[in-house]
């Protein structure tokens, strides 16, 4: 089929409208407009296919990185997309102008000749095609605008793996809200092949390596914040207390073991064994809370720190590895069962250790109670002596 230029298409539309008004055959006008639009869209499809072949681009296609060219590993090839935007814009603006003129001319001509009702009917038939043309013009302009901004973002990033969103805002002279929304859409549509934004929306990362480093930093920050919050809660409950350096080192090491136990708990899916681990976590947490309040108890943590805790973590790691096996034979299930039973023993031992930390406090309480009883007896404030004193 012969490719027609936009001038020829405009002349055809004008002739169609005049013919329809003269013959009052608006069904033919509708069919003719549909055929003309189909031909134009066929031309568009051929143009797009040529763009795709020339740029080796297909929708959703990711350009394979060539050696020593990191940019192609990070950014989408927008050659074909740019061609799509141009074609949509040209097609949309041309048809919207031609159809708009056609509608205006028809209404004007029929108004003067007394056939206004016919002109309105012809305009109603052309209206949907006009709206489609306006949409294509908007879509094409939107694509081209986004491509223009994307190129500016690329210029700012250059060889960098990340940059502040504020830099990108300055490069396109748009609001922060607009640019943030723009970046999120580009990430979804794979303009940035490995694009990620931080949680606050202040930094754009375009490599997986940068994103992994960010996630690790975030995890470390959350852990520090959690520890600081725990410290604030303890200070609020017990008051700030200076802890000797040796005790601090033991507590820090102990909490690292506690963290490892919690991580194992998160990775082990079984509810029964998870419940055992949670009880173990609680006991260990209480042990170190007690040591923080009474640093002198560090002297009683020798084997607990040197053997019991490291061995517990080692057993949980072994359980993780066994539990991850797809085939659970007798050896695996037997070993898991033994570890589960050992966790009960470990929990009991740790509870006994925690209880021993309160032995002196219990002795002091017992002594205070005994002294009180003796004083009450001496003053005649107990039992029958108290009744006689009242009489």
Protein backbone atom coordinates (compact mmCIF):
# COMPACT_ATOMS: atom_id res chain seq x y z
CA UNK A 1 0.00 0.00 0.00
CA UNK A 2 1.30 3.46 -0.91
CA UNK A 3 2.45 5.63 2.00
CA UNK A 4 0.54 8.94 2.03
CA UNK A 5 1.85 12.15 3.50
CA UNK A 6 -0.16 14.19 5.98
CA UNK A 7 -1.19 16.75 3.34
CA UNK A 8 -2.77 14.03 1.21
CA UNK A 9 -4.58 12.60 4.25
CA UNK A 10 -5.92 16.08 5.12
CA UNK A 11 -7.24 16.56 1.56
CA UNK A 12 -8.95 13.18 1.74
CA UNK A 13 -10.70 14.07 5.00
CA UNK A 14 -11.89 17.38 3.56
CA UNK A 15 -13.27 15.66 0.43
CA UNK A 16 -15.02 13.03 2.58
CA UNK A 17 -16.82 15.65 4.66
CA UNK A 18 -17.95 17.66 1.60
CA UNK A 19 -19.17 14.50 -0.15
CA UNK A 20 -21.09 13.34 2.93
CA UNK A 21 -22.84 16.70 3.35
CA UNK A 22 -23.84 16.79 -0.32
CA UNK A 23 -25.08 13.19 -0.47
CA UNK A 24 -26.38 13.04 3.15
CA UNK A 25 -24.68 9.60 3.36
CA UNK A 26 -22.96 9.77 6.76
CA UNK A 27 -22.53 6.02 7.00
CA UNK A 28 -20.09 6.28 4.12
CA UNK A 29 -18.30 9.10 5.97
CA UNK A 30 -17.80 6.89 9.01
CA UNK A 31 -16.49 4.02 6.88
CA UNK A 32 -14.17 6.33 4.96
CA UNK A 33 -12.74 7.90 8.12
CA UNK A 34 -12.19 4.46 9.66
CA UNK A 35 -10.38 3.28 6.53
CA UNK A 36 -8.20 6.41 6.46
CA UNK A 37 -7.26 6.05 10.13
CA UNK A 38 -6.45 2.35 9.64
CA UNK A 39 -4.16 3.22 6.74
CA UNK A 40 -2.43 5.86 8.81
CA UNK A 41 -1.97 3.43 11.70
CA UNK A 42 -0.53 0.86 9.30
CA UNK A 43 2.01 3.46 8.23
CA UNK A 44 2.77 4.09 11.90
CA UNK A 45 3.31 0.38 12.54
CA UNK A 46 5.71 0.12 9.61
CA UNK A 47 7.61 3.17 10.86
CA UNK A 48 7.85 1.68 14.37
CA UNK A 49 9.10 -1.64 13.00
CA UNK A 50 11.77 0.19 11.01
CA UNK A 51 12.80 2.08 14.17
CA UNK A 52 13.01 -1.14 16.11
CA UNK A 53 15.16 -2.79 13.47
CA UNK A 54 17.46 0.18 13.17
CA UNK A 55 17.91 0.52 16.94
CA UNK A 56 17.68 -3.22 17.68
CA UNK A 57 15.03 -2.35 20.25
CA UNK A 58 11.85 -4.11 21.25
CA UNK A 59 9.47 -3.20 24.10
CA UNK A 60 10.77 -4.78 27.28
CA UNK A 61 14.06 -5.64 25.60
CA UNK A 62 17.13 -5.00 27.72
CA UNK A 63 20.32 -4.24 25.88
CA UNK A 64 23.01 -6.69 26.75
CA UNK A 65 26.03 -4.96 28.13
CA UNK A 66 29.13 -4.80 26.04
CA UNK A 67 32.48 -5.09 27.65
CA UNK A 68 33.76 -1.94 29.34
CA UNK A 69 30.48 -0.08 28.78
CA UNK A 70 28.77 0.24 32.18
CA UNK A 71 26.16 2.69 30.86
CA UNK A 72 24.46 -0.01 28.79
CA UNK A 73 24.27 -2.16 31.90
CA UNK A 74 22.41 0.60 33.74
CA UNK A 75 20.22 2.47 31.26
CA UNK A 76 17.56 1.37 28.79
CA UNK A 77 18.11 1.82 25.05
CA UNK A 78 15.53 4.50 24.21
CA UNK A 79 16.08 4.67 20.43
CA UNK A 80 12.89 2.81 19.49
CA UNK A 81 10.89 4.50 22.24
CA UNK A 82 11.93 7.90 20.92
CA UNK A 83 10.67 6.90 17.45
CA UNK A 84 7.35 5.86 18.98
CA UNK A 85 6.97 9.23 20.68
CA UNK A 86 7.72 11.11 17.45
CA UNK A 87 5.26 9.08 15.39
CA UNK A 88 2.51 9.37 18.00
CA UNK A 89 3.04 13.11 18.25
CA UNK A 90 3.02 13.72 14.50
CA UNK A 91 0.03 11.45 13.94
CA UNK A 92 -1.91 12.89 16.88
CA UNK A 93 -1.30 16.55 16.21
CA UNK A 94 -1.87 16.22 12.46
CA UNK A 95 -5.15 14.34 12.76
CA UNK A 96 -6.44 16.51 15.61
CA UNK A 97 -5.77 19.67 13.57
CA UNK A 98 -7.26 18.25 10.36
CA UNK A 99 -10.31 16.79 12.07
CA UNK A 100 -10.75 19.94 14.14
CA UNK A 101 -10.73 22.03 10.95
CA UNK A 102 -13.07 19.53 9.34
CA UNK A 103 -15.58 19.77 12.20
CA UNK A 104 -15.42 23.56 12.28
CA UNK A 105 -15.74 23.85 8.48
CA UNK A 106 -18.67 21.44 8.36
CA UNK A 107 -20.61 23.24 11.08
CA UNK A 108 -19.90 26.63 9.52
CA UNK A 109 -20.79 25.58 5.96
CA UNK A 110 -23.97 23.75 6.88
CA UNK A 111 -25.02 26.61 9.15
CA UNK A 112 -25.02 29.04 6.25
CA UNK A 113 -26.66 26.65 3.77
CA UNK A 114 -29.47 25.52 6.08
CA UNK A 115 -28.20 22.00 6.60
CA UNK A 116 -26.98 22.51 10.20
CA UNK A 117 -28.54 19.25 11.44
CA UNK A 118 -26.56 17.34 8.82
CA UNK A 119 -23.41 19.20 9.82
CA UNK A 120 -23.94 18.31 13.48
CA UNK A 121 -24.40 14.65 12.55
CA UNK A 122 -21.19 14.69 10.50
CA UNK A 123 -19.35 16.36 13.40
CA UNK A 124 -20.59 13.72 15.84
CA UNK A 125 -19.20 11.01 13.56
CA UNK A 126 -15.80 12.75 13.40
CA UNK A 127 -15.66 13.56 17.11
CA UNK A 128 -14.37 10.10 18.32
CA UNK A 129 -11.56 10.22 15.74
CA UNK A 130 -10.71 13.73 16.91
CA UNK A 131 -10.54 12.58 20.56
CA UNK A 132 -8.30 9.63 19.63
CA UNK A 133 -6.02 12.03 17.78
CA UNK A 134 -5.82 14.33 20.82
CA UNK A 135 -4.94 11.33 22.99
CA UNK A 136 -2.18 10.23 20.59
CA UNK A 137 -0.78 13.79 20.58
CA UNK A 138 -0.76 13.82 24.39
CA UNK A 139 0.79 10.34 24.59
CA UNK A 140 3.51 11.18 22.09
CA UNK A 141 4.37 14.45 23.84
CA UNK A 142 4.45 12.66 27.19
CA UNK A 143 6.86 10.02 25.88
CA UNK A 144 9.16 12.61 24.31
CA UNK A 145 9.14 14.73 27.46
CA UNK A 146 10.01 11.73 29.60
CA UNK A 147 12.85 10.76 27.25
CA UNK A 148 14.22 14.29 27.39
CA UNK A 149 14.24 14.22 31.20
CA UNK A 150 15.77 10.73 31.21
CA UNK A 151 18.68 11.94 29.08
CA UNK A 152 19.27 14.78 31.55
CA UNK A 153 19.21 12.30 34.44
CA UNK A 154 21.80 10.21 32.59
CA UNK A 155 24.01 13.28 32.13
CA UNK A 156 23.90 13.96 35.87
CA UNK A 157 24.71 10.35 36.79
CA UNK A 158 27.38 9.73 34.11
CA UNK A 159 29.65 7.00 35.52
CA UNK A 160 28.30 7.24 39.08
CA UNK A 161 26.34 4.40 40.65
CA UNK A 162 24.11 6.72 42.66
CA UNK A 163 23.27 10.39 43.14
CA UNK A 164 21.05 12.65 45.21
CA UNK A 165 17.54 13.21 43.88
CA UNK A 166 18.07 16.93 44.54
CA UNK A 167 20.69 16.97 41.75
CA UNK A 168 18.18 15.49 39.32
CA UNK A 169 15.56 18.05 40.41
CA UNK A 170 17.96 20.87 39.51
CA UNK A 171 18.77 19.32 36.13
CA UNK A 172 15.16 19.38 34.85
CA UNK A 173 13.89 22.46 36.73
CA UNK A 174 10.88 20.60 38.15
CA UNK A 175 9.51 20.20 41.66
CA UNK A 176 10.87 17.49 43.95
CA UNK A 177 7.45 15.83 44.03
CA UNK A 178 7.30 15.71 40.21
CA UNK A 179 10.83 14.30 39.84
CA UNK A 180 10.27 11.66 42.53
CA UNK A 181 7.11 10.47 40.79
CA UNK A 182 8.95 10.58 37.45
CA UNK A 183 11.81 8.43 38.77
CA UNK A 184 9.43 5.86 40.26
CA UNK A 185 7.70 5.48 36.91
CA UNK A 186 11.03 5.17 35.07
CA UNK A 187 12.11 2.48 37.53
CA UNK A 188 8.85 0.57 36.94
CA UNK A 189 9.22 0.87 33.16
CA UNK A 190 12.90 -0.18 33.30
CA UNK A 191 14.46 3.04 32.04
CA UNK A 192 16.97 2.36 34.83
CA UNK A 193 17.72 -1.34 34.42
CA UNK A 194 18.76 -1.70 38.08
CA UNK A 195 17.14 1.41 39.52
CA UNK A 196 16.24 1.77 43.21
CA UNK A 197 15.26 4.68 45.46
CA UNK A 198 16.06 4.83 49.15
CA UNK A 199 13.23 4.77 51.70
CA UNK A 200 13.27 8.55 52.10
CA UNK A 201 13.24 9.19 48.34
CA UNK A 202 16.45 11.23 48.53
CA UNK A 203 18.88 9.03 46.61
CA UNK A 204 18.70 7.17 43.27
CA UNK A 205 20.85 4.03 42.84
CA UNK A 206 21.38 2.51 39.39
CA UNK A 207 23.43 -0.61 40.21
CA UNK A 208 22.68 -3.66 42.33
CA UNK A 209 26.01 -3.23 44.11
CA UNK A 210 25.07 0.27 45.30
CA UNK A 211 21.64 -0.98 46.39
CA UNK A 212 23.11 -3.87 48.37
CA UNK A 213 25.48 -1.49 50.15
CA UNK A 214 22.52 0.75 50.96
CA UNK A 215 20.52 -2.18 52.38
CA UNK A 216 23.44 -3.25 54.56
CA UNK A 217 23.85 0.31 55.86
CA UNK A 218 20.10 0.47 56.57
CA UNK A 219 20.23 -2.81 58.46
CA UNK A 220 23.16 -1.62 60.56
CA UNK A 221 21.35 1.66 61.25
CA UNK A 222 18.20 -0.17 62.37
CA UNK A 223 20.24 -2.40 64.66
CA UNK A 224 21.97 0.64 66.22
CA UNK A 225 18.63 2.38 66.67
CA UNK A 226 17.17 -0.73 68.27
CA UNK A 227 20.08 -1.00 70.71
CA UNK A 228 19.87 2.71 71.50
CA UNK A 229 16.14 2.40 72.16
CA UNK A 230 16.74 -0.58 74.44
CA UNK A 231 19.38 1.43 76.27
CA UNK A 232 16.97 4.36 76.69
CA UNK A 233 14.30 2.03 78.04
CA UNK A 234 16.71 0.51 80.54
CA UNK A 235 17.91 3.94 81.65
CA UNK A 236 14.29 5.03 82.07
CA UNK A 237 13.47 1.98 84.17
CA UNK A 238 16.64 1.66 86.25
CA UNK A 239 18.50 4.93 85.86
CA UNK A 240 21.83 5.44 84.09
CA UNK A 241 24.64 3.41 85.55
CA UNK A 242 28.31 3.39 84.66
CA UNK A 243 29.40 -0.07 83.53
CA UNK A 244 33.06 -1.14 83.79
CA UNK A 245 34.90 -1.65 80.50
CA UNK A 246 35.33 -5.41 80.99
CA UNK A 247 31.61 -5.83 81.68
CA UNK A 248 30.74 -3.73 78.60
CA UNK A 249 32.87 -5.95 76.36
CA UNK A 250 31.20 -9.08 77.70
CA UNK A 251 27.72 -7.59 77.24
CA UNK A 252 28.46 -6.47 73.66
CA UNK A 253 29.79 -9.93 72.75
CA UNK A 254 26.82 -11.58 74.44
CA UNK A 255 24.33 -9.47 72.53
CA UNK A 256 26.03 -10.45 69.28
CA UNK A 257 25.38 -14.08 70.18
CA UNK A 258 21.79 -13.13 71.02
CA UNK A 259 21.44 -11.50 67.61
CA UNK A 260 22.69 -14.69 65.93
CA UNK A 261 20.10 -16.71 67.87
CA UNK A 262 17.32 -14.35 66.71
CA UNK A 263 18.46 -14.57 63.10
CA UNK A 264 18.33 -18.37 63.28
CA UNK A 265 14.84 -18.13 64.72
CA UNK A 266 13.77 -16.01 61.71
CA UNK A 267 15.22 -18.50 59.22
CA UNK A 268 13.84 -21.67 60.86
CA UNK A 269 10.15 -22.06 59.88
CA UNK A 270 9.07 -24.83 62.28
CA UNK A 271 6.66 -23.48 64.93
CA UNK A 272 7.64 -25.91 67.69
CA UNK A 273 11.37 -25.38 67.42
CA UNK A 274 10.79 -21.64 66.92
CA UNK A 275 8.94 -21.53 70.25
CA UNK A 276 11.91 -23.19 71.95
CA UNK A 277 14.31 -20.66 70.44
CA UNK A 278 12.11 -17.74 71.51
CA UNK A 279 12.12 -18.96 75.12
CA UNK A 280 15.89 -19.28 74.89
CA UNK A 281 16.15 -15.70 73.55
CA UNK A 282 14.12 -14.37 76.47
CA UNK A 283 16.31 -16.06 79.06
CA UNK A 284 19.54 -14.84 77.43
CA UNK A 285 18.11 -11.30 77.18
CA UNK A 286 17.23 -11.34 80.88
CA UNK A 287 20.72 -12.60 81.78
CA UNK A 288 22.44 -9.66 80.09
CA UNK A 289 19.89 -7.18 81.43
CA UNK A 290 20.74 -8.43 84.91
CA UNK A 291 24.47 -8.18 84.25
CA UNK A 292 24.06 -4.58 83.08
CA UNK A 293 22.42 -3.72 86.40
CA UNK A 294 25.00 -5.73 88.39
CA UNK A 295 28.30 -5.74 86.45
CA UNK A 296 29.98 -7.76 89.23
CA UNK A 297 28.07 -10.80 87.89
CA UNK A 298 30.37 -10.85 84.83
CA UNK A 299 32.74 -13.05 86.84
CA UNK A 300 30.06 -15.79 86.79
CA UNK A 301 29.76 -15.80 82.98
CA UNK A 302 33.02 -17.60 82.16
CA UNK A 303 31.74 -20.88 80.69
CA UNK A 304 28.49 -19.25 79.61
CA UNK A 305 30.40 -16.91 77.28
CA UNK A 306 33.27 -19.21 76.30
CA UNK A 307 31.31 -22.38 75.62
CA UNK A 308 27.55 -22.42 76.24
CA UNK A 309 26.50 -19.50 74.03
CA UNK A 310 28.89 -20.25 71.10
CA UNK A 311 27.82 -23.92 71.15
CA UNK A 312 24.14 -22.93 71.15
CA UNK A 313 24.65 -20.72 68.09
CA UNK A 314 26.60 -23.52 66.39
CA UNK A 315 23.78 -26.01 67.01
CA UNK A 316 21.19 -23.61 65.59
CA UNK A 317 23.30 -23.06 62.47
CA UNK A 318 23.52 -26.84 62.04
CA UNK A 319 19.74 -27.11 62.46
CA UNK A 320 19.25 -24.45 59.76
CA UNK A 321 21.41 -26.41 57.34
CA UNK A 322 19.61 -29.68 58.07
CA UNK A 323 16.18 -28.10 57.84
CA UNK A 324 17.02 -26.57 54.44
CA UNK A 325 17.56 -29.99 52.83
CA UNK A 326 14.76 -30.94 50.44
CA UNK A 327 15.00 -34.64 51.25
CA UNK A 328 14.61 -35.31 54.98
CA UNK A 329 16.07 -38.79 55.59
CA UNK A 330 16.36 -40.62 58.91
CA UNK A 331 19.80 -39.18 59.68
CA UNK A 332 18.60 -35.62 59.14
CA UNK A 333 15.35 -35.96 61.08
CA UNK A 334 17.21 -37.77 63.90
CA UNK A 335 19.82 -35.03 64.17
CA UNK A 336 17.15 -32.33 64.18
CA UNK A 337 15.27 -34.15 66.94
CA UNK A 338 18.42 -34.38 69.06
CA UNK A 339 19.09 -30.65 68.63
CA UNK A 340 15.49 -29.83 69.61
CA UNK A 341 15.83 -31.91 72.78
CA UNK A 342 19.18 -30.28 73.55
CA UNK A 343 17.56 -26.83 73.27
CA UNK A 344 15.29 -27.76 76.18
CA UNK A 345 18.34 -28.72 78.25
CA UNK A 346 20.14 -25.50 77.31
CA UNK A 347 17.11 -23.39 78.22
CA UNK A 348 16.87 -25.08 81.64
CA UNK A 349 20.59 -24.53 82.27
CA UNK A 350 20.33 -20.85 81.31
CA UNK A 351 17.28 -20.43 83.57
CA UNK A 352 19.27 -21.91 86.44
CA UNK A 353 22.10 -19.47 85.74
CA UNK A 354 19.64 -16.56 85.71
CA UNK A 355 18.09 -17.80 88.96
CA UNK A 356 21.54 -17.96 90.60
CA UNK A 357 21.97 -14.26 89.83
CA UNK A 358 19.11 -13.57 92.26
CA UNK A 359 20.50 -15.82 95.02
CA UNK A 360 22.15 -12.97 96.92
CA UNK A 361 19.05 -10.80 96.47
CA UNK A 362 16.87 -13.64 97.79
CA UNK A 363 19.22 -14.08 100.78
CA UNK A 364 19.07 -10.35 101.53
CA UNK A 365 15.27 -10.40 101.29
CA UNK A 366 15.09 -13.43 103.61
CA UNK A 367 17.39 -11.68 106.11
CA UNK A 368 15.29 -8.51 106.02
CA UNK A 369 12.11 -10.51 106.63
CA UNK A 370 13.72 -12.37 109.56
CA UNK A 371 14.85 -9.11 111.16
CA UNK A 372 11.34 -7.68 110.76
CA UNK A 373 9.81 -10.72 112.48
CA UNK A 374 12.25 -10.42 115.38
CA UNK A 375 11.54 -6.70 115.77
CA UNK A 376 7.78 -7.29 115.69
CA UNK A 377 8.18 -9.99 118.34
CA UNK A 378 10.27 -7.76 120.56
CA UNK A 379 7.66 -5.04 120.33
CA UNK A 380 4.83 -7.49 121.00
CA UNK A 381 3.31 -6.91 117.57
CA UNK A 382 2.91 -10.54 116.49
CA UNK A 383 0.35 -13.22 117.30
CA UNK A 384 -1.06 -13.47 120.87
CA UNK A 385 1.34 -10.84 122.16
CA UNK A 386 -0.32 -8.29 119.93
CA UNK A 387 -3.82 -9.30 121.17
CA UNK A 388 -2.75 -9.02 124.86
CA UNK A 389 -1.26 -5.59 124.16
CA UNK A 390 -4.56 -4.41 122.71
CA UNK A 391 -6.49 -5.55 125.84
